[in-house]
Amino acid sequence: MSQLPANPSDLLGAFKRVAQRAEMAGPAGDFHYLKLDKSGTWLYGADEIEVEDESIWAINPAALSTGFAAWDQSTKEGEEMALLTDEPILKHQLPDVGAKWMPQVAMQMKCMSGEDEGAEVVYSTTSMGGQKAFKAILATLTERIESGATDIIPMVTMEVDSYKHKKYGKIFTPVLKVVDWMSSAGTPAAPEVVEAEEVEEEAPAPKRRSRQRA
């Protein structure tokens, strides 16, 4: 995975071009909030619908955002975000809201397969794991743009990693695995053609993970 360009203006120019080409851009749509809960389960919406295993989600590259959020325990006291193509939010200019401002990242995603197909979500987080996943997507997308590819919308599966914390025990972290790319017109990248041997019987479909509601 390549590092981000040394010159920030190069990256800004690249993402401005992405924003012009990406038809997914913009606030339109009925978005649900997506989260990774403490048990390591991806959930979205007010009913906390469990994301289907191996479902594929498209990330809107023109809506990647960074900024800050202020939390007082479980209450968000403030939020200031800006698209990567806009002027960045400066922490020292933020108002006093009675809670500490923490760096936050956000992205818009749309499900492209399975039971959740068509669902649109916003994933925003101040966690270190979430910011690491965001930076990984950003680096991969930057590499894709610099290669001159026209399919620049990353299609990912939502996965989970974990580590052991001395105080809090097992901590789950988000992993957004890029499995394909899509053009702004909604056309997937041309897949690599691999010849498969003919089989006499169709293999049984794997069992799907049950979906839970609160």
N, C-alpha and C. Protein backbone atom coordinates (compact mmCIF):
# COMPACT_ATOMS: atom_id res chain seq x y z
N MET A 1 0.85 -1.19 0.00
CA MET A 1 0.00 0.00 0.00
C MET A 1 0.88 1.24 0.00
N SER A 2 0.65 2.18 -0.92
CA SER A 2 1.48 3.36 -1.00
C SER A 2 1.16 4.35 0.11
N GLN A 3 2.13 5.22 0.39
CA GLN A 3 1.91 6.29 1.35
C GLN A 3 1.17 7.43 0.66
N LEU A 4 0.60 8.33 1.44
CA LEU A 4 -0.09 9.48 0.86
C LEU A 4 0.92 10.40 0.21
N PRO A 5 0.51 11.18 -0.82
CA PRO A 5 1.44 12.08 -1.48
C PRO A 5 2.06 13.07 -0.50
N ALA A 6 3.36 13.38 -0.73
CA ALA A 6 4.04 14.33 0.15
C ALA A 6 3.45 15.72 0.03
N ASN A 7 2.96 16.05 -1.16
CA ASN A 7 2.38 17.37 -1.39
C ASN A 7 0.87 17.29 -1.20
N PRO A 8 0.30 17.90 -0.15
CA PRO A 8 -1.15 17.81 0.11
C PRO A 8 -1.98 18.34 -1.04
N SER A 9 -1.46 19.33 -1.79
CA SER A 9 -2.24 19.90 -2.89
C SER A 9 -2.47 18.87 -3.99
N ASP A 10 -1.52 17.92 -4.14
CA ASP A 10 -1.71 16.87 -5.15
C ASP A 10 -2.90 16.00 -4.79
N LEU A 11 -2.99 15.61 -3.49
CA LEU A 11 -4.09 14.79 -3.03
C LEU A 11 -5.40 15.56 -3.13
N LEU A 12 -5.39 16.84 -2.76
CA LEU A 12 -6.60 17.65 -2.83
C LEU A 12 -7.09 17.74 -4.26
N GLY A 13 -6.17 17.96 -5.20
CA GLY A 13 -6.56 18.04 -6.61
C GLY A 13 -7.15 16.73 -7.10
N ALA A 14 -6.55 15.62 -6.65
CA ALA A 14 -7.05 14.31 -7.06
C ALA A 14 -8.46 14.09 -6.56
N PHE A 15 -8.73 14.46 -5.32
CA PHE A 15 -10.06 14.23 -4.76
C PHE A 15 -11.09 15.20 -5.33
N LYS A 16 -10.67 16.35 -5.76
CA LYS A 16 -11.60 17.25 -6.44
C LYS A 16 -12.04 16.63 -7.76
N ARG A 17 -11.11 15.99 -8.45
CA ARG A 17 -11.47 15.31 -9.69
C ARG A 17 -12.41 14.14 -9.42
N VAL A 18 -12.14 13.43 -8.31
CA VAL A 18 -13.02 12.33 -7.91
C VAL A 18 -14.43 12.85 -7.64
N ALA A 19 -14.52 13.98 -6.91
CA ALA A 19 -15.82 14.54 -6.57
C ALA A 19 -16.60 14.94 -7.81
N GLN A 20 -15.90 15.39 -8.84
CA GLN A 20 -16.57 15.78 -10.07
C GLN A 20 -17.10 14.57 -10.83
N ARG A 21 -16.42 13.42 -10.68
CA ARG A 21 -16.81 12.23 -11.43
C ARG A 21 -17.78 11.33 -10.68
N ALA A 22 -17.77 11.41 -9.35
CA ALA A 22 -18.56 10.48 -8.55
C ALA A 22 -20.01 10.91 -8.47
N GLU A 23 -20.91 10.16 -9.09
CA GLU A 23 -22.33 10.50 -9.08
C GLU A 23 -22.97 10.22 -7.73
N MET A 24 -22.26 9.49 -6.85
CA MET A 24 -22.81 9.18 -5.54
C MET A 24 -22.70 10.36 -4.58
N ALA A 25 -21.95 11.39 -4.96
CA ALA A 25 -21.68 12.49 -4.04
C ALA A 25 -22.94 13.25 -3.68
N GLY A 26 -22.90 13.89 -2.50
CA GLY A 26 -24.03 14.72 -2.09
C GLY A 26 -24.76 14.16 -0.91
N PRO A 27 -25.52 15.02 -0.21
CA PRO A 27 -26.21 14.58 1.01
C PRO A 27 -27.52 13.87 0.77
N ALA A 28 -27.94 13.75 -0.51
CA ALA A 28 -29.23 13.13 -0.79
C ALA A 28 -29.24 11.69 -0.33
N GLY A 29 -30.40 11.24 0.13
CA GLY A 29 -30.54 9.84 0.55
C GLY A 29 -30.93 9.74 2.01
N ASP A 30 -31.57 8.62 2.34
CA ASP A 30 -32.01 8.38 3.71
C ASP A 30 -30.94 7.54 4.39
N PHE A 31 -29.99 8.20 5.03
CA PHE A 31 -28.85 7.50 5.61
C PHE A 31 -29.14 7.04 7.04
N HIS A 32 -28.66 5.84 7.34
CA HIS A 32 -28.71 5.30 8.70
C HIS A 32 -27.31 5.38 9.29
N TYR A 33 -27.24 5.41 10.59
CA TYR A 33 -25.93 5.41 11.24
C TYR A 33 -25.43 3.99 11.40
N LEU A 34 -24.17 3.78 11.06
CA LEU A 34 -23.51 2.48 11.16
C LEU A 34 -22.54 2.50 12.33
N LYS A 35 -22.45 1.37 13.04
CA LYS A 35 -21.50 1.30 14.15
C LYS A 35 -20.99 -0.13 14.31
N LEU A 36 -19.83 -0.24 14.93
CA LEU A 36 -19.30 -1.53 15.36
C LEU A 36 -19.43 -1.57 16.87
N ASP A 37 -20.30 -2.46 17.38
CA ASP A 37 -20.56 -2.44 18.83
C ASP A 37 -19.46 -3.16 19.61
N LYS A 38 -19.58 -3.16 20.92
CA LYS A 38 -18.53 -3.69 21.79
C LYS A 38 -18.36 -5.19 21.67
N SER A 39 -19.37 -5.87 21.09
CA SER A 39 -19.25 -7.33 20.90
C SER A 39 -18.62 -7.68 19.56
N GLY A 40 -18.26 -6.65 18.77
CA GLY A 40 -17.66 -6.89 17.47
C GLY A 40 -18.65 -7.15 16.36
N THR A 41 -19.87 -6.62 16.51
CA THR A 41 -20.92 -6.80 15.51
C THR A 41 -21.22 -5.48 14.81
N TRP A 42 -21.26 -5.51 13.48
CA TRP A 42 -21.64 -4.33 12.70
C TRP A 42 -23.16 -4.18 12.72
N LEU A 43 -23.66 -3.02 13.10
CA LEU A 43 -25.09 -2.74 13.18
C LEU A 43 -25.39 -1.39 12.51
N TYR A 44 -26.60 -1.26 11.97
CA TYR A 44 -26.99 0.04 11.42
C TYR A 44 -28.47 0.31 11.68
N GLY A 45 -28.81 1.59 11.71
CA GLY A 45 -30.20 2.00 11.86
C GLY A 45 -30.68 2.03 13.29
N ALA A 46 -31.83 2.66 13.48
CA ALA A 46 -32.43 2.78 14.81
C ALA A 46 -32.77 1.41 15.41
N ASP A 47 -33.09 0.44 14.53
CA ASP A 47 -33.42 -0.91 14.99
C ASP A 47 -32.19 -1.79 15.16
N GLU A 48 -31.00 -1.21 14.92
CA GLU A 48 -29.74 -1.93 15.05
C GLU A 48 -29.76 -3.25 14.27
N ILE A 49 -29.95 -3.13 12.97
CA ILE A 49 -29.97 -4.29 12.08
C ILE A 49 -28.53 -4.78 11.90
N GLU A 50 -28.34 -6.07 12.06
CA GLU A 50 -27.01 -6.64 11.90
C GLU A 50 -26.65 -6.72 10.42
N VAL A 51 -25.46 -6.23 10.09
CA VAL A 51 -24.99 -6.26 8.70
C VAL A 51 -24.75 -7.71 8.30
N GLU A 52 -25.25 -8.07 7.14
CA GLU A 52 -25.10 -9.45 6.66
C GLU A 52 -23.64 -9.76 6.36
N ASP A 53 -23.21 -10.95 6.77
CA ASP A 53 -21.85 -11.38 6.48
C ASP A 53 -21.58 -11.38 4.98
N GLU A 54 -20.40 -10.89 4.62
CA GLU A 54 -19.90 -10.91 3.24
C GLU A 54 -20.69 -10.02 2.29
N SER A 55 -21.61 -9.21 2.81
CA SER A 55 -22.28 -8.25 1.93
C SER A 55 -21.27 -7.20 1.48
N ILE A 56 -21.48 -6.66 0.29
CA ILE A 56 -20.53 -5.72 -0.30
C ILE A 56 -21.10 -4.31 -0.26
N TRP A 57 -20.28 -3.37 0.20
CA TRP A 57 -20.70 -1.98 0.36
C TRP A 57 -19.78 -1.06 -0.43
N ALA A 58 -20.37 -0.11 -1.14
CA ALA A 58 -19.60 0.87 -1.90
C ALA A 58 -19.39 2.13 -1.06
N ILE A 59 -18.15 2.58 -0.98
CA ILE A 59 -17.81 3.79 -0.24
C ILE A 59 -17.78 4.97 -1.20
N ASN A 60 -18.49 6.04 -0.87
CA ASN A 60 -18.51 7.23 -1.69
C ASN A 60 -17.22 8.02 -1.47
N PRO A 61 -16.28 8.02 -2.44
CA PRO A 61 -15.00 8.70 -2.22
C PRO A 61 -15.13 10.21 -2.12
N ALA A 62 -16.18 10.77 -2.74
CA ALA A 62 -16.36 12.23 -2.71
C ALA A 62 -16.94 12.72 -1.40
N ALA A 63 -17.34 11.81 -0.51
CA ALA A 63 -17.96 12.21 0.75
C ALA A 63 -17.09 11.87 1.97
N LEU A 64 -15.85 11.45 1.74
CA LEU A 64 -14.95 11.19 2.86
C LEU A 64 -14.71 12.48 3.63
N SER A 65 -14.86 12.43 4.93
CA SER A 65 -14.80 13.64 5.74
C SER A 65 -13.93 13.46 6.98
N THR A 66 -13.35 14.57 7.43
CA THR A 66 -12.59 14.57 8.68
C THR A 66 -13.01 15.79 9.49
N GLY A 67 -12.78 15.73 10.78
CA GLY A 67 -13.14 16.85 11.64
C GLY A 67 -13.02 16.46 13.09
N PHE A 68 -13.98 16.93 13.89
CA PHE A 68 -13.93 16.69 15.33
C PHE A 68 -15.33 16.46 15.88
N ALA A 69 -15.40 15.71 16.97
CA ALA A 69 -16.65 15.51 17.70
C ALA A 69 -16.35 15.60 19.19
N ALA A 70 -17.31 16.12 19.94
CA ALA A 70 -17.15 16.26 21.39
C ALA A 70 -18.20 15.41 22.07
N TRP A 71 -17.74 14.43 22.86
CA TRP A 71 -18.65 13.52 23.56
C TRP A 71 -18.56 13.72 25.07
N ASP A 72 -19.73 13.75 25.71
CA ASP A 72 -19.82 13.74 27.17
C ASP A 72 -20.46 12.41 27.54
N GLN A 73 -19.63 11.41 27.82
CA GLN A 73 -20.07 10.03 28.01
C GLN A 73 -20.78 9.55 26.75
N SER A 74 -22.09 9.32 26.77
CA SER A 74 -22.79 8.81 25.59
C SER A 74 -23.53 9.90 24.82
N THR A 75 -23.30 11.15 25.16
CA THR A 75 -23.99 12.26 24.50
C THR A 75 -23.02 13.06 23.66
N LYS A 76 -23.35 13.25 22.38
CA LYS A 76 -22.52 14.06 21.50
C LYS A 76 -22.89 15.53 21.68
N GLU A 77 -21.98 16.30 22.23
CA GLU A 77 -22.23 17.71 22.51
C GLU A 77 -21.91 18.63 21.34
N GLY A 78 -21.13 18.12 20.40
CA GLY A 78 -20.78 18.95 19.24
C GLY A 78 -20.12 18.12 18.16
N GLU A 79 -20.22 18.60 16.93
CA GLU A 79 -19.62 17.93 15.79
C GLU A 79 -19.34 18.95 14.69
N GLU A 80 -18.12 18.95 14.19
CA GLU A 80 -17.73 19.82 13.09
C GLU A 80 -16.94 18.99 12.09
N MET A 81 -17.49 18.83 10.86
CA MET A 81 -16.86 17.98 9.86
C MET A 81 -16.72 18.74 8.54
N ALA A 82 -15.73 18.33 7.75
CA ALA A 82 -15.51 18.92 6.43
C ALA A 82 -15.09 17.84 5.45
N LEU A 83 -15.55 17.95 4.21
CA LEU A 83 -15.11 17.03 3.16
C LEU A 83 -13.62 17.20 2.92
N LEU A 84 -12.98 16.15 2.41
CA LEU A 84 -11.56 16.24 2.11
C LEU A 84 -11.26 17.32 1.07
N THR A 85 -12.25 17.66 0.27
CA THR A 85 -12.06 18.68 -0.76
C THR A 85 -12.30 20.10 -0.23
N ASP A 86 -12.73 20.23 1.02
CA ASP A 86 -12.98 21.55 1.62
C ASP A 86 -11.84 21.92 2.56
N GLU A 87 -11.91 23.14 3.07
CA GLU A 87 -10.92 23.57 4.04
C GLU A 87 -11.07 22.72 5.31
N PRO A 88 -9.96 22.26 5.89
CA PRO A 88 -10.05 21.40 7.08
C PRO A 88 -10.54 22.15 8.30
N ILE A 89 -11.15 21.43 9.21
CA ILE A 89 -11.59 22.00 10.49
C ILE A 89 -10.36 22.15 11.39
N LEU A 90 -10.21 23.32 12.00
CA LEU A 90 -9.08 23.58 12.90
C LEU A 90 -9.56 23.50 14.34
N LYS A 91 -8.91 22.66 15.11
CA LYS A 91 -9.35 22.40 16.48
C LYS A 91 -9.37 23.66 17.34
N HIS A 92 -8.36 24.53 17.17
CA HIS A 92 -8.28 25.70 18.04
C HIS A 92 -9.38 26.72 17.75
N GLN A 93 -10.10 26.55 16.64
CA GLN A 93 -11.19 27.46 16.30
C GLN A 93 -12.56 26.93 16.76
N LEU A 94 -12.59 25.74 17.33
CA LEU A 94 -13.86 25.15 17.75
C LEU A 94 -14.36 25.79 19.04
N PRO A 95 -15.67 25.90 19.20
CA PRO A 95 -16.23 26.51 20.41
C PRO A 95 -16.15 25.59 21.62
N ASP A 96 -16.27 26.16 22.78
CA ASP A 96 -16.30 25.38 24.03
C ASP A 96 -17.71 24.83 24.20
N VAL A 97 -17.84 23.51 24.19
CA VAL A 97 -19.16 22.87 24.32
C VAL A 97 -19.26 22.07 25.62
N GLY A 98 -18.27 22.22 26.48
CA GLY A 98 -18.32 21.51 27.75
C GLY A 98 -17.81 20.09 27.70
N ALA A 99 -17.23 19.68 26.57
CA ALA A 99 -16.66 18.34 26.41
C ALA A 99 -15.44 18.45 25.51
N LYS A 100 -14.54 17.48 25.62
CA LYS A 100 -13.30 17.50 24.86
C LYS A 100 -13.52 17.15 23.39
N TRP A 101 -12.95 17.97 22.50
CA TRP A 101 -13.02 17.69 21.08
C TRP A 101 -12.02 16.60 20.72
N MET A 102 -12.50 15.59 19.99
CA MET A 102 -11.66 14.47 19.55
C MET A 102 -11.71 14.37 18.02
N PRO A 103 -10.59 14.01 17.38
CA PRO A 103 -10.61 13.83 15.93
C PRO A 103 -11.64 12.78 15.51
N GLN A 104 -12.35 13.09 14.42
CA GLN A 104 -13.38 12.17 13.93
C GLN A 104 -13.26 12.04 12.42
N VAL A 105 -13.55 10.85 11.91
CA VAL A 105 -13.60 10.60 10.47
C VAL A 105 -14.99 10.09 10.13
N ALA A 106 -15.39 10.26 8.87
CA ALA A 106 -16.73 9.81 8.47
C ALA A 106 -16.73 9.43 6.99
N MET A 107 -17.60 8.47 6.65
CA MET A 107 -17.76 8.07 5.26
C MET A 107 -19.19 7.62 5.01
N GLN A 108 -19.63 7.78 3.78
CA GLN A 108 -20.95 7.31 3.35
C GLN A 108 -20.76 5.99 2.60
N MET A 109 -21.68 5.06 2.84
CA MET A 109 -21.59 3.75 2.21
C MET A 109 -22.97 3.29 1.75
N LYS A 110 -22.99 2.50 0.68
CA LYS A 110 -24.24 1.96 0.15
C LYS A 110 -24.06 0.47 -0.10
N CYS A 111 -25.02 -0.33 0.37
CA CYS A 111 -24.93 -1.78 0.20
C CYS A 111 -25.28 -2.15 -1.24
N MET A 112 -24.44 -3.02 -1.82
CA MET A 112 -24.59 -3.40 -3.22
C MET A 112 -25.01 -4.86 -3.40
N SER A 113 -25.16 -5.61 -2.30
CA SER A 113 -25.52 -7.03 -2.45
C SER A 113 -26.20 -7.54 -1.19
N GLY A 114 -26.94 -8.64 -1.34
CA GLY A 114 -27.54 -9.33 -0.20
C GLY A 114 -28.80 -8.68 0.33
N GLU A 115 -29.16 -9.04 1.56
CA GLU A 115 -30.41 -8.60 2.17
C GLU A 115 -30.44 -7.09 2.44
N ASP A 116 -29.26 -6.48 2.59
CA ASP A 116 -29.20 -5.05 2.88
C ASP A 116 -29.10 -4.20 1.62
N GLU A 117 -29.17 -4.80 0.44
CA GLU A 117 -28.94 -4.08 -0.81
C GLU A 117 -29.80 -2.81 -0.89
N GLY A 118 -29.15 -1.71 -1.21
CA GLY A 118 -29.83 -0.42 -1.31
C GLY A 118 -29.74 0.41 -0.05
N ALA A 119 -29.41 -0.21 1.08
CA ALA A 119 -29.31 0.54 2.34
C ALA A 119 -28.13 1.51 2.27
N GLU A 120 -28.33 2.72 2.77
CA GLU A 120 -27.28 3.74 2.77
C GLU A 120 -26.98 4.13 4.21
N VAL A 121 -25.70 4.15 4.55
CA VAL A 121 -25.30 4.39 5.93
C VAL A 121 -24.20 5.43 6.00
N VAL A 122 -24.06 6.02 7.17
CA VAL A 122 -22.94 6.90 7.48
C VAL A 122 -22.18 6.28 8.64
N TYR A 123 -20.89 6.11 8.45
CA TYR A 123 -20.03 5.59 9.51
C TYR A 123 -19.12 6.72 9.97
N SER A 124 -19.34 7.19 11.19
CA SER A 124 -18.49 8.23 11.76
C SER A 124 -17.95 7.72 13.09
N THR A 125 -16.67 7.99 13.36
CA THR A 125 -16.05 7.44 14.56
C THR A 125 -14.87 8.28 15.02
N THR A 126 -14.67 8.28 16.33
CA THR A 126 -13.50 8.92 16.92
C THR A 126 -12.51 7.87 17.41
N SER A 127 -12.81 6.60 17.26
CA SER A 127 -11.95 5.53 17.77
C SER A 127 -10.66 5.44 16.96
N MET A 128 -9.61 4.98 17.60
CA MET A 128 -8.33 4.81 16.92
C MET A 128 -8.43 3.76 15.83
N GLY A 129 -9.19 2.67 16.12
CA GLY A 129 -9.37 1.63 15.12
C GLY A 129 -10.11 2.13 13.89
N GLY A 130 -11.15 2.95 14.13
CA GLY A 130 -11.92 3.50 13.02
C GLY A 130 -11.09 4.45 12.17
N GLN A 131 -10.26 5.26 12.82
CA GLN A 131 -9.41 6.18 12.07
C GLN A 131 -8.34 5.42 11.28
N LYS A 132 -7.86 4.31 11.83
CA LYS A 132 -6.90 3.49 11.11
C LYS A 132 -7.53 2.89 9.86
N ALA A 133 -8.79 2.42 9.97
CA ALA A 133 -9.50 1.86 8.82
C ALA A 133 -9.73 2.94 7.76
N PHE A 134 -10.07 4.15 8.21
CA PHE A 134 -10.29 5.28 7.30
C PHE A 134 -9.00 5.60 6.53
N LYS A 135 -7.88 5.68 7.24
CA LYS A 135 -6.60 5.99 6.60
C LYS A 135 -6.19 4.91 5.61
N ALA A 136 -6.52 3.65 5.94
CA ALA A 136 -6.20 2.56 5.02
C ALA A 136 -6.99 2.70 3.71
N ILE A 137 -8.27 3.04 3.82
CA ILE A 137 -9.10 3.26 2.63
C ILE A 137 -8.56 4.44 1.84
N LEU A 138 -8.19 5.51 2.54
CA LEU A 138 -7.68 6.71 1.88
C LEU A 138 -6.39 6.42 1.12
N ALA A 139 -5.49 5.66 1.74
CA ALA A 139 -4.23 5.33 1.09
C ALA A 139 -4.46 4.45 -0.14
N THR A 140 -5.36 3.46 0.00
CA THR A 140 -5.66 2.57 -1.13
C THR A 140 -6.32 3.33 -2.27
N LEU A 141 -7.22 4.24 -1.93
CA LEU A 141 -7.91 5.04 -2.94
C LEU A 141 -6.94 5.99 -3.63
N THR A 142 -6.03 6.59 -2.87
CA THR A 142 -5.03 7.48 -3.45
C THR A 142 -4.15 6.72 -4.45
N GLU A 143 -3.73 5.52 -4.08
CA GLU A 143 -2.94 4.69 -4.98
C GLU A 143 -3.72 4.39 -6.26
N ARG A 144 -5.02 4.13 -6.10
CA ARG A 144 -5.86 3.83 -7.26
C ARG A 144 -5.97 5.04 -8.19
N ILE A 145 -6.16 6.21 -7.60
CA ILE A 145 -6.27 7.44 -8.39
C ILE A 145 -4.97 7.72 -9.13
N GLU A 146 -3.85 7.57 -8.43
CA GLU A 146 -2.56 7.86 -9.02
C GLU A 146 -2.21 6.89 -10.16
N SER A 147 -2.83 5.71 -10.14
CA SER A 147 -2.56 4.73 -11.20
C SER A 147 -3.29 5.09 -12.50
N GLY A 148 -4.23 6.05 -12.42
CA GLY A 148 -4.98 6.46 -13.59
C GLY A 148 -6.23 5.64 -13.85
N ALA A 149 -6.60 4.78 -12.92
CA ALA A 149 -7.79 3.94 -13.09
C ALA A 149 -9.06 4.80 -13.11
N THR A 150 -10.06 4.36 -13.85
CA THR A 150 -11.33 5.08 -13.90
C THR A 150 -12.34 4.52 -12.91
N ASP A 151 -12.12 3.31 -12.42
CA ASP A 151 -13.00 2.71 -11.42
C ASP A 151 -12.44 3.07 -10.05
N ILE A 152 -12.98 4.13 -9.42
CA ILE A 152 -12.37 4.67 -8.21
C ILE A 152 -13.31 4.65 -7.00
N ILE A 153 -14.40 3.90 -7.08
CA ILE A 153 -15.27 3.74 -5.92
C ILE A 153 -14.96 2.40 -5.27
N PRO A 154 -14.37 2.40 -4.07
CA PRO A 154 -14.02 1.13 -3.43
C PRO A 154 -15.24 0.37 -2.95
N MET A 155 -15.26 -0.92 -3.22
CA MET A 155 -16.33 -1.80 -2.75
C MET A 155 -15.71 -2.70 -1.68
N VAL A 156 -16.30 -2.70 -0.49
CA VAL A 156 -15.68 -3.36 0.65
C VAL A 156 -16.62 -4.33 1.34
N THR A 157 -16.02 -5.22 2.11
CA THR A 157 -16.77 -6.02 3.06
C THR A 157 -16.41 -5.52 4.45
N MET A 158 -17.39 -5.57 5.37
CA MET A 158 -17.16 -5.11 6.73
C MET A 158 -16.67 -6.27 7.58
N GLU A 159 -15.45 -6.17 8.02
CA GLU A 159 -14.85 -7.23 8.82
C GLU A 159 -14.39 -6.68 10.16
N VAL A 160 -13.86 -7.54 10.99
CA VAL A 160 -13.51 -7.15 12.37
C VAL A 160 -12.18 -7.77 12.77
N ASP A 161 -11.37 -7.00 13.46
CA ASP A 161 -10.15 -7.49 14.07
C ASP A 161 -10.25 -7.20 15.57
N SER A 162 -9.27 -7.64 16.35
CA SER A 162 -9.33 -7.39 17.79
C SER A 162 -7.94 -7.39 18.40
N TYR A 163 -7.85 -6.82 19.59
CA TYR A 163 -6.61 -6.89 20.35
C TYR A 163 -6.98 -6.89 21.83
N LYS A 164 -6.03 -7.30 22.67
CA LYS A 164 -6.29 -7.38 24.09
C LYS A 164 -5.77 -6.14 24.81
N HIS A 165 -6.67 -5.44 25.49
CA HIS A 165 -6.32 -4.25 26.26
C HIS A 165 -6.10 -4.65 27.72
N LYS A 166 -5.06 -4.10 28.33
CA LYS A 166 -4.73 -4.47 29.71
C LYS A 166 -5.86 -4.17 30.68
N LYS A 167 -6.58 -3.07 30.44
CA LYS A 167 -7.63 -2.66 31.36
C LYS A 167 -9.02 -3.12 30.93
N TYR A 168 -9.31 -3.01 29.62
CA TYR A 168 -10.67 -3.25 29.14
C TYR A 168 -10.87 -4.63 28.51
N GLY A 169 -9.81 -5.43 28.43
CA GLY A 169 -9.95 -6.75 27.84
C GLY A 169 -9.94 -6.73 26.32
N LYS A 170 -10.74 -7.58 25.70
CA LYS A 170 -10.75 -7.71 24.24
C LYS A 170 -11.44 -6.52 23.60
N ILE A 171 -10.73 -5.84 22.71
CA ILE A 171 -11.27 -4.68 22.01
C ILE A 171 -11.38 -5.02 20.53
N PHE A 172 -12.57 -4.82 19.96
CA PHE A 172 -12.79 -5.09 18.54
C PHE A 172 -12.54 -3.83 17.71
N THR A 173 -11.94 -4.00 16.56
CA THR A 173 -11.63 -2.88 15.68
C THR A 173 -12.17 -3.15 14.28
N PRO A 174 -12.59 -2.10 13.57
CA PRO A 174 -13.17 -2.27 12.24
C PRO A 174 -12.11 -2.53 11.17
N VAL A 175 -12.49 -3.35 10.20
CA VAL A 175 -11.65 -3.60 9.03
C VAL A 175 -12.55 -3.48 7.80
N LEU A 176 -12.20 -2.60 6.89
CA LEU A 176 -12.94 -2.43 5.64
C LEU A 176 -12.05 -2.98 4.52
N LYS A 177 -12.38 -4.18 4.08
CA LYS A 177 -11.55 -4.89 3.11
C LYS A 177 -12.03 -4.59 1.68
N VAL A 178 -11.16 -3.99 0.87
CA VAL A 178 -11.52 -3.69 -0.51
C VAL A 178 -11.49 -4.98 -1.32
N VAL A 179 -12.64 -5.31 -1.92
CA VAL A 179 -12.75 -6.55 -2.70
C VAL A 179 -12.97 -6.28 -4.19
N ASP A 180 -13.29 -5.02 -4.55
CA ASP A 180 -13.55 -4.69 -5.95
C ASP A 180 -13.58 -3.17 -6.08
N TRP A 181 -13.71 -2.71 -7.31
CA TRP A 181 -13.83 -1.28 -7.59
C TRP A 181 -14.98 -1.05 -8.55
N MET A 182 -15.61 0.12 -8.47
CA MET A 182 -16.75 0.44 -9.31
C MET A 182 -16.56 1.84 -9.89
N SER A 183 -17.05 2.05 -11.10
CA SER A 183 -16.99 3.37 -11.71
C SER A 183 -18.11 4.24 -11.16
N SER A 184 -18.05 5.53 -11.42
CA SER A 184 -19.10 6.44 -10.95
C SER A 184 -20.43 6.17 -11.61
N ALA A 185 -20.41 5.45 -12.73
CA ALA A 185 -21.65 5.11 -13.43
C ALA A 185 -22.26 3.82 -12.86
N GLY A 186 -21.60 3.25 -11.86
CA GLY A 186 -22.13 2.05 -11.24
C GLY A 186 -21.68 0.77 -11.88
N THR A 187 -20.62 0.84 -12.70
CA THR A 187 -20.12 -0.34 -13.39
C THR A 187 -18.93 -0.92 -12.64
N PRO A 188 -18.97 -2.19 -12.22
CA PRO A 188 -17.83 -2.80 -11.54
C PRO A 188 -16.62 -2.89 -12.45
N ALA A 189 -15.44 -2.93 -11.85
CA ALA A 189 -14.22 -3.12 -12.63
C ALA A 189 -14.27 -4.49 -13.30
N ALA A 190 -13.63 -4.60 -14.47
CA ALA A 190 -13.63 -5.87 -15.19
C ALA A 190 -12.91 -6.93 -14.37
N PRO A 191 -13.59 -8.03 -14.05
CA PRO A 191 -12.95 -9.07 -13.23
C PRO A 191 -11.93 -9.88 -14.03
N GLU A 192 -10.99 -10.44 -13.31
CA GLU A 192 -10.02 -11.32 -13.95
C GLU A 192 -10.71 -12.63 -14.31
N VAL A 193 -10.52 -13.08 -15.53
CA VAL A 193 -11.17 -14.30 -16.01
C VAL A 193 -10.35 -15.51 -15.58
N VAL A 194 -10.96 -16.39 -14.83
CA VAL A 194 -10.29 -17.61 -14.38
C VAL A 194 -11.15 -18.79 -14.77
N GLU A 195 -10.59 -19.71 -15.52
CA GLU A 195 -11.32 -20.89 -15.94
C GLU A 195 -11.43 -21.88 -14.78
N ALA A 196 -12.63 -22.39 -14.57
CA ALA A 196 -12.86 -23.33 -13.47
C ALA A 196 -13.22 -24.69 -14.04
N GLU A 197 -12.87 -25.72 -13.31
CA GLU A 197 -13.21 -27.06 -13.75
C GLU A 197 -14.70 -27.30 -13.58
N GLU A 198 -15.25 -28.07 -14.50
CA GLU A 198 -16.68 -28.39 -14.45
C GLU A 198 -16.95 -29.35 -13.31
N VAL A 199 -18.01 -29.10 -12.57
CA VAL A 199 -18.38 -29.97 -11.47
C VAL A 199 -19.76 -30.55 -11.73
N GLU A 200 -19.99 -31.77 -11.22
CA GLU A 200 -21.25 -32.44 -11.48
C GLU A 200 -22.36 -31.95 -10.57
N GLU A 201 -22.04 -31.62 -9.31
CA GLU A 201 -23.04 -31.18 -8.36
C GLU A 201 -22.75 -29.78 -7.89
N GLU A 202 -23.80 -29.04 -7.69
CA GLU A 202 -23.65 -27.67 -7.19
C GLU A 202 -23.42 -27.72 -5.68
N ALA A 203 -22.38 -27.01 -5.23
CA ALA A 203 -22.06 -27.00 -3.80
C ALA A 203 -23.16 -26.27 -3.04
N PRO A 204 -23.50 -26.75 -1.83
CA PRO A 204 -24.55 -26.07 -1.06
C PRO A 204 -24.12 -24.67 -0.67
N ALA A 205 -25.08 -23.75 -0.67
CA ALA A 205 -24.78 -22.35 -0.31
C ALA A 205 -24.45 -22.27 1.17
N PRO A 206 -23.46 -21.43 1.54
CA PRO A 206 -23.12 -21.30 2.96
C PRO A 206 -24.26 -20.67 3.74
N LYS A 207 -24.37 -21.04 5.02
CA LYS A 207 -25.42 -20.47 5.85
C LYS A 207 -25.15 -19.02 6.16
N ARG A 208 -26.18 -18.21 6.13
CA ARG A 208 -26.02 -16.80 6.43
C ARG A 208 -26.15 -16.54 7.93
N ARG A 209 -25.46 -15.54 8.37
CA ARG A 209 -25.55 -15.16 9.77
C ARG A 209 -26.92 -14.54 10.03
N SER A 210 -27.50 -14.89 11.16
CA SER A 210 -28.83 -14.35 11.48
C SER A 210 -28.75 -12.85 11.72
N ARG A 211 -29.80 -12.15 11.39
CA ARG A 211 -29.88 -10.70 11.58
C ARG A 211 -30.64 -10.43 12.86
N GLN A 212 -30.11 -9.55 13.68
CA GLN A 212 -30.70 -9.27 14.97
C GLN A 212 -31.25 -7.86 15.04
N ARG A 213 -32.27 -7.72 15.79
CA ARG A 213 -32.85 -6.40 16.05
C ARG A 213 -32.93 -6.21 17.55
N ALA A 214 -32.79 -4.96 17.95
CA ALA A 214 -32.86 -4.66 19.38
C ALA A 214 -34.28 -4.90 19.89
